[in-house]
């Protein structure tokens, strides 16, 4: 975690959306949701992105992300 942002390093190339798809899969796995629940809301062509996660319990999802981020260090 970097403040209120999550930093994720990907090895997928930024070609034809591969890095964006990889990011969606990683975020979904960390958040405990289906990959289809994650969309890139802003920054599709940028290194810095904003993702949207469709979830019924945003607080629990945010907590899961924070906990997962703490485990990956």
Protein backbone atom coordinates (compact mmCIF):
# COMPACT_ATOMS: atom_id res chain seq x y z
CA UNK A 1 0.00 0.00 0.00
CA UNK A 2 1.14 3.51 -0.79
CA UNK A 3 -1.18 5.70 1.24
CA UNK A 4 -4.66 4.90 -0.01
CA UNK A 5 -3.34 3.34 -3.24
CA UNK A 6 -2.23 -0.19 -3.99
CA UNK A 7 0.97 -0.65 -5.97
CA UNK A 8 1.08 -3.75 -8.14
CA UNK A 9 4.04 -4.70 -10.32
CA UNK A 10 3.09 -6.64 -13.44
CA UNK A 11 5.24 -8.49 -15.93
CA UNK A 12 2.61 -8.47 -18.67
CA UNK A 13 3.48 -6.20 -21.57
CA UNK A 14 1.37 -3.09 -22.13
CA UNK A 15 0.36 -4.38 -25.57
CA UNK A 16 -3.22 -4.90 -26.74
CA UNK A 17 -4.55 -4.59 -23.19
CA UNK A 18 -2.55 -7.51 -21.78
CA UNK A 19 -1.31 -5.54 -18.76
CA UNK A 20 -4.83 -4.24 -18.04
CA UNK A 21 -6.25 -7.77 -18.17
CA UNK A 22 -3.47 -9.02 -15.90
CA UNK A 23 -4.14 -6.18 -13.47
CA UNK A 24 -7.85 -7.02 -13.36
CA UNK A 25 -7.07 -10.66 -12.59
CA UNK A 26 -4.58 -9.79 -9.83
CA UNK A 27 -6.91 -7.24 -8.20
CA UNK A 28 -9.83 -9.67 -8.38
CA UNK A 29 -7.75 -12.39 -6.75
CA UNK A 30 -6.57 -10.07 -3.98
CA UNK A 31 -10.09 -8.74 -3.40
CA UNK A 32 -11.69 -12.18 -3.46
CA UNK A 33 -14.08 -11.35 -6.32
CA UNK A 34 -14.59 -12.63 -9.85
CA UNK A 35 -12.32 -11.11 -12.50
CA UNK A 36 -15.39 -9.72 -14.25
CA UNK A 37 -16.15 -7.63 -11.17
CA UNK A 38 -13.03 -5.53 -11.75
CA UNK A 39 -12.96 -2.80 -14.37
CA UNK A 40 -10.43 -0.10 -15.08
CA UNK A 41 -12.30 3.15 -14.48
CA UNK A 42 -9.47 5.51 -15.44
CA UNK A 43 -5.96 5.29 -16.82
CA UNK A 44 -6.24 2.42 -19.29
CA UNK A 45 -3.21 3.78 -21.19
CA UNK A 46 -1.35 5.02 -18.09
CA UNK A 47 0.89 3.38 -15.51
CA UNK A 48 -1.37 4.83 -12.81
CA UNK A 49 -4.89 3.41 -12.94
CA UNK A 50 -8.13 3.60 -11.04
CA UNK A 51 -10.04 0.34 -10.77
CA UNK A 52 -13.66 -0.20 -9.85
CA UNK A 53 -14.69 -3.36 -8.05
CA UNK A 54 -18.33 -4.41 -8.16
CA UNK A 55 -19.09 -5.80 -4.73
CA UNK A 56 -21.99 -5.99 -2.31
CA UNK A 57 -19.76 -5.16 0.64
CA UNK A 58 -17.24 -2.43 -0.25
CA UNK A 59 -15.86 -2.19 3.28
CA UNK A 60 -15.11 -5.92 3.44
CA UNK A 61 -13.54 -5.82 -0.03
CA UNK A 62 -11.34 -2.86 0.93
CA UNK A 63 -10.31 -4.66 4.11
CA UNK A 64 -9.45 -7.80 2.10
CA UNK A 65 -7.30 -5.73 -0.28
CA UNK A 66 -5.45 -4.07 2.60
CA UNK A 67 -4.83 -7.42 4.27
CA UNK A 68 -3.66 -9.00 1.02
CA UNK A 69 -1.32 -6.06 0.35
CA UNK A 70 0.21 -6.49 3.79
CA UNK A 71 0.89 -10.18 3.12
CA UNK A 72 2.65 -9.62 -0.20
CA UNK A 73 5.51 -7.50 1.14
